[in-house]
């Protein structure tokens, strides 16, 4: 769930700061495709992504030094979470 929230946050922040793409939404979709969760879990994962997006949407209206710092923190956390998932469930 936390990785979904991080991806939502990155989707908002990176686009706010000049990245005009759907990369982070696409990463979320890849995660859903790989996991193939049941409907209830899928809804919770999507809600977490949206919560991450909305949490910054209400805070930042333009790219600031603080937004850039948040991007760095979330990138680092996302990398760590991804490694942990891969270590635990990877083959």
Protein backbone atom coordinates (compact mmCIF):
# COMPACT_ATOMS: atom_id res chain seq x y z
CA UNK A 1 0.00 0.00 0.00
CA UNK A 2 2.79 2.38 0.86
CA UNK A 3 4.47 1.91 -2.52
CA UNK A 4 1.18 2.79 -4.21
CA UNK A 5 0.99 5.98 -2.17
CA UNK A 6 4.60 6.86 -3.01
CA UNK A 7 3.90 6.36 -6.73
CA UNK A 8 0.87 8.66 -6.51
CA UNK A 9 2.94 11.32 -4.76
CA UNK A 10 5.68 11.06 -7.36
CA UNK A 11 3.15 11.26 -10.18
CA UNK A 12 1.90 14.59 -8.86
CA UNK A 13 5.23 16.08 -7.78
CA UNK A 14 7.32 15.10 -10.82
CA UNK A 15 4.69 16.49 -13.20
CA UNK A 16 4.42 19.64 -11.11
CA UNK A 17 8.17 20.10 -11.43
CA UNK A 18 8.32 19.72 -15.21
CA UNK A 19 8.09 16.01 -16.04
CA UNK A 20 5.16 15.79 -18.43
CA UNK A 21 4.54 12.08 -18.53
CA UNK A 22 2.48 9.30 -17.05
CA UNK A 23 5.57 7.35 -15.93
CA UNK A 24 4.50 6.97 -12.30
CA UNK A 25 0.90 6.09 -13.16
CA UNK A 26 2.32 3.57 -15.64
CA UNK A 27 4.52 2.09 -12.89
CA UNK A 28 1.42 1.73 -10.73
CA UNK A 29 -0.34 -0.07 -13.57
CA UNK A 30 2.64 -2.42 -14.00
CA UNK A 31 2.49 -3.21 -10.31
CA UNK A 32 -1.24 -4.00 -10.55
CA UNK A 33 -0.66 -6.13 -13.66
CA UNK A 34 2.11 -8.09 -11.94
CA UNK A 35 0.22 -8.62 -8.69
CA UNK A 36 -3.21 -9.32 -10.21
CA UNK A 37 -4.97 -8.43 -6.95
CA UNK A 38 -8.58 -9.30 -6.24
CA UNK A 39 -11.10 -6.47 -6.62
CA UNK A 40 -10.96 -5.40 -2.97
CA UNK A 41 -7.17 -5.22 -2.82
CA UNK A 42 -7.02 -3.48 -6.19
CA UNK A 43 -9.43 -0.82 -4.90
CA UNK A 44 -7.24 -0.29 -1.82
CA UNK A 45 -4.07 -0.01 -3.94
CA UNK A 46 -5.71 2.51 -6.28
CA UNK A 47 -7.04 4.47 -3.29
CA UNK A 48 -3.51 4.60 -1.86
CA UNK A 49 -2.14 5.93 -5.16
CA UNK A 50 -4.86 8.57 -5.26
CA UNK A 51 -4.26 9.52 -1.62
CA UNK A 52 -0.57 10.07 -2.40
CA UNK A 53 -1.47 12.25 -5.37
CA UNK A 54 -4.06 14.30 -3.48
CA UNK A 55 -1.86 14.78 -0.43
CA UNK A 56 0.46 17.02 -2.46
CA UNK A 57 -2.15 18.43 -4.81
CA UNK A 58 -3.54 20.41 -1.89
CA UNK A 59 -0.10 21.59 -0.75
CA UNK A 60 1.80 22.60 -3.88
CA UNK A 61 0.59 24.72 -6.79
CA UNK A 62 4.06 25.25 -8.26
CA UNK A 63 7.42 23.54 -8.08
CA UNK A 64 9.38 24.77 -5.08
CA UNK A 65 12.58 23.75 -3.35
CA UNK A 66 10.44 21.90 -0.83
CA UNK A 67 8.63 20.00 -3.61
CA UNK A 68 11.97 19.06 -5.15
CA UNK A 69 13.19 17.84 -1.77
CA UNK A 70 10.02 15.77 -1.36
CA UNK A 71 10.65 14.20 -4.78
CA UNK A 72 14.10 13.11 -3.61
CA UNK A 73 12.73 11.61 -0.41
CA UNK A 74 9.95 9.76 -2.21
CA UNK A 75 12.30 8.48 -4.92
CA UNK A 76 14.58 7.08 -2.22
CA UNK A 77 11.68 5.53 -0.30
CA UNK A 78 10.21 4.07 -3.49
CA UNK A 79 13.53 2.49 -4.40
CA UNK A 80 13.82 0.97 -0.93
CA UNK A 81 10.27 -0.38 -1.00
CA UNK A 82 10.78 -1.83 -4.47
CA UNK A 83 13.94 -3.62 -3.35
CA UNK A 84 12.15 -5.01 -0.29
CA UNK A 85 9.28 -6.32 -2.41
CA UNK A 86 11.66 -7.85 -4.94
CA UNK A 87 13.74 -9.45 -2.17
CA UNK A 88 10.68 -10.87 -0.50
CA UNK A 89 8.62 -11.98 -3.50
CA UNK A 90 11.07 -12.01 -6.42
CA UNK A 91 12.30 -15.19 -7.99
